[in-house]
Structure formats: structure tokens, C-alpha cells
Amino acid sequence: MSLSDCPKCWDTPCECGWEYRNYSIEGLRKRSDLLNNIISFKALFPDAKFSAWSSHPETEDDKKLMEFLRAWETNKL
């Protein structure tokens, strides 16, 4: 993903798909898996409170999400 807005939809990250056109199928599947795991976390913890910006202090739920994702990354092999 680029550091600037998508030239087609002007969103960051891209929401129209243009910025993903050169990703490999494997790369797209990894991102799909990642998003599906975030959806799973949010379904398990619907009242999770996340920090609004990356520059804000992490909440306990921010930390739990990252632990959840690291555990998924470690166990998927």
C-alpha cells in the first residue's frame, strides 16, 4: 500500500481495489486472512475499546487484538 491516497478512490487505504491490482494471489489471501481474523476478534469482543489514532496511547483492547493476531500468525503454520 502506498503512503499516499489511491489515485482512483482517493482513500487511504484504498477501498476501490485499484491499489491491490499488482498484489500476488498469495499476498491478497494473506490480507484477506488478516481482515477475517480482525472480524473474528471484533465478533468475540463487540464492546472492545480501541485508541482513535496510532499516536494515542494503546488501550487494553488494542493490546488484546495484537496478541490475538500474533497468536493467529504463529499458529497458522
Protein backbone atom coordinates (compact mmCIF):
# COMPACT_ATOMS: atom_id res chain seq x y z
CA MET A 1 0.00 0.00 0.00
CA SER A 2 1.32 3.41 -0.87
CA LEU A 3 1.86 6.25 1.55
CA SER A 4 -0.48 8.48 -0.43
CA ASP A 5 -4.13 8.33 -1.40
CA CYS A 6 -5.29 5.90 -4.06
CA PRO A 7 -5.41 7.73 -7.41
CA LYS A 8 -8.81 6.17 -8.21
CA CYS A 9 -10.86 6.44 -4.99
CA TRP A 10 -8.60 8.86 -3.06
CA ASP A 11 -8.91 6.76 0.10
CA THR A 12 -6.05 5.62 2.31
CA PRO A 13 -6.04 2.71 2.46
CA CYS A 14 -7.60 2.11 -0.93
CA GLU A 15 -11.23 0.97 -0.80
CA CYS A 16 -11.89 0.54 -4.52
CA GLY A 17 -9.32 -2.22 -5.12
CA TRP A 18 -7.05 -0.38 -7.55
CA GLU A 19 -4.03 -0.35 -5.23
CA TYR A 20 -4.22 -4.15 -4.91
CA ARG A 21 -4.08 -4.93 -8.63
CA ASN A 22 -0.40 -5.89 -8.58
CA TYR A 23 -0.53 -7.98 -5.40
CA SER A 24 0.08 -11.67 -5.82
CA ILE A 25 -2.76 -14.08 -5.08
CA GLU A 26 -0.81 -15.18 -2.00
CA GLY A 27 -0.45 -11.57 -0.86
CA LEU A 28 -4.16 -10.95 -1.33
CA ARG A 29 -5.04 -14.10 0.60
CA LYS A 30 -2.80 -13.03 3.50
CA ARG A 31 -4.56 -9.68 3.68
CA SER A 32 -7.93 -11.38 3.42
CA ASP A 33 -6.99 -13.76 6.24
CA LEU A 34 -5.81 -10.83 8.35
CA LEU A 35 -9.08 -8.95 7.87
CA ASN A 36 -11.11 -12.08 8.61
CA ASN A 37 -9.20 -12.52 11.87
CA ILE A 38 -9.86 -8.92 12.88
CA ILE A 39 -13.56 -9.54 12.14
CA SER A 40 -13.39 -12.66 14.36
CA PHE A 41 -11.83 -10.66 17.19
CA LYS A 42 -14.42 -7.92 16.94
CA ALA A 43 -17.23 -10.51 16.91
CA LEU A 44 -15.80 -12.09 20.07
CA PHE A 45 -15.30 -8.71 21.75
CA PRO A 46 -18.00 -6.40 20.35
CA ASP A 47 -17.51 -3.85 23.13
CA ALA A 48 -13.73 -3.54 22.64
CA LYS A 49 -12.42 -0.01 23.04
CA PHE A 50 -9.62 0.90 20.64
CA SER A 51 -7.47 4.01 20.53
CA ALA A 52 -8.63 6.51 17.92
CA TRP A 53 -5.20 7.15 16.38
CA SER A 54 -1.88 5.33 16.25
CA SER A 55 -0.32 8.25 18.11
CA HIS A 56 -2.72 7.82 21.07
CA PRO A 57 -1.85 5.52 23.97
CA GLU A 58 -2.80 1.89 23.40
CA THR A 59 -5.87 0.61 25.17
CA GLU A 60 -6.03 -2.84 26.76
CA ASP A 61 -8.20 -3.93 23.84
CA ASP A 62 -5.57 -2.69 21.35
CA LYS A 63 -3.08 -4.94 23.11
CA LYS A 64 -5.52 -7.89 23.14
CA LEU A 65 -6.11 -7.51 19.41
CA MET A 66 -2.39 -7.62 18.68
CA GLU A 67 -1.96 -10.67 20.94
CA PHE A 68 -4.85 -12.33 19.09
CA LEU A 69 -3.29 -11.57 15.70
CA ARG A 70 0.18 -12.69 16.79
CA ALA A 71 -1.25 -15.96 18.07
CA TRP A 72 -3.02 -16.49 14.74
CA GLU A 73 0.19 -15.70 12.81
CA THR A 74 2.21 -18.12 14.99
CA ASN A 75 -0.31 -20.96 14.81
CA LYS A 76 -1.20 -20.81 11.13
CA LEU A 77 1.96 -22.65 10.04
